[in-house]
Amino acid sequence: MMIFPLKELIEHDENMYEITVAASRRAFQLSSVLEKDEKEDWEGKMVALAARQVFTQEVQFRLEAE
């Protein structure tokens, strides 16, 4: 299993800034809620886990109007 979803990143044809912010925010959420042993499963690479979740649509995001 590849840790970071490179194929999905290369094939992504929408707003790259949007997906980057979504993955960054998800990584922050994960680092706040996951237990130490769960983090060790991903070797502490929360950004890689978050990016995988966003690209595979395991989690979804949306833009909110200000």
Protein backbone atom coordinates (compact mmCIF):
# COMPACT_ATOMS: atom_id res chain seq x y z
CA MET A 1 0.00 0.00 0.00
CA MET A 2 1.34 3.40 -0.95
CA ILE A 3 1.09 5.81 1.97
CA PHE A 4 0.40 8.97 -0.04
CA PRO A 5 -2.21 8.74 -2.83
CA LEU A 6 0.03 9.92 -5.68
CA LYS A 7 -2.16 8.55 -8.46
CA GLU A 8 -5.19 10.45 -7.15
CA LEU A 9 -3.10 13.60 -6.72
CA ILE A 10 -1.86 13.45 -10.31
CA GLU A 11 -5.32 12.76 -11.69
CA HIS A 12 -7.04 15.47 -9.61
CA ASP A 13 -8.34 18.07 -12.05
CA GLU A 14 -10.12 20.41 -9.67
CA ASN A 15 -8.86 23.23 -7.48
CA MET A 16 -5.57 22.04 -5.94
CA TYR A 17 -5.65 24.73 -3.23
CA GLU A 18 -9.08 23.50 -2.11
CA ILE A 19 -8.00 19.89 -1.75
CA THR A 20 -4.77 20.92 -0.01
CA VAL A 21 -6.66 22.93 2.59
CA ALA A 22 -9.14 20.08 3.10
CA ALA A 23 -6.32 17.57 3.67
CA SER A 24 -4.49 19.97 5.98
CA ARG A 25 -7.56 20.55 8.13
CA ARG A 26 -8.31 16.83 8.20
CA ALA A 27 -4.72 16.11 9.31
CA PHE A 28 -5.18 18.56 12.19
CA GLN A 29 -8.42 16.79 13.18
CA LEU A 30 -6.76 13.38 13.05
CA SER A 31 -3.78 14.45 15.11
CA SER A 32 -6.19 15.76 17.75
CA VAL A 33 -8.42 12.69 18.05
CA LEU A 34 -6.37 9.60 17.21
CA GLU A 35 -4.77 7.63 19.99
CA LYS A 36 -1.00 7.15 20.04
CA ASP A 37 -1.14 3.55 18.77
CA GLU A 38 -3.41 4.57 15.87
CA LYS A 39 -0.92 7.28 14.91
CA GLU A 40 1.90 4.73 15.03
CA ASP A 41 0.03 2.63 12.44
CA TRP A 42 0.62 5.54 10.05
CA GLU A 43 4.08 6.30 11.48
CA GLY A 44 2.76 9.68 12.59
CA LYS A 45 2.06 10.76 9.00
CA MET A 46 -1.28 12.43 9.52
CA VAL A 47 -1.07 14.45 6.29
CA ALA A 48 -0.68 11.25 4.26
CA LEU A 49 -3.66 9.65 6.02
CA ALA A 50 -5.74 12.81 5.62
CA ALA A 51 -4.88 13.11 1.92
CA ARG A 52 -5.84 9.47 1.36
CA GLN A 53 -9.17 10.03 3.11
CA VAL A 54 -9.93 13.16 1.09
CA PHE A 55 -8.88 11.75 -2.30
CA THR A 56 -10.72 8.45 -1.80
CA GLN A 57 -13.74 10.36 -0.50
CA GLU A 58 -13.68 8.52 2.80
CA VAL A 59 -14.30 11.99 4.20
CA GLN A 60 -15.92 14.79 2.26
CA PHE A 61 -15.47 18.52 2.42
CA ARG A 62 -17.35 21.55 1.25
CA LEU A 63 -16.72 25.25 0.97
CA GLU A 64 -18.81 27.52 3.14
CA ALA A 65 -19.81 30.97 1.99
CA GLU A 66 -18.59 33.74 4.23
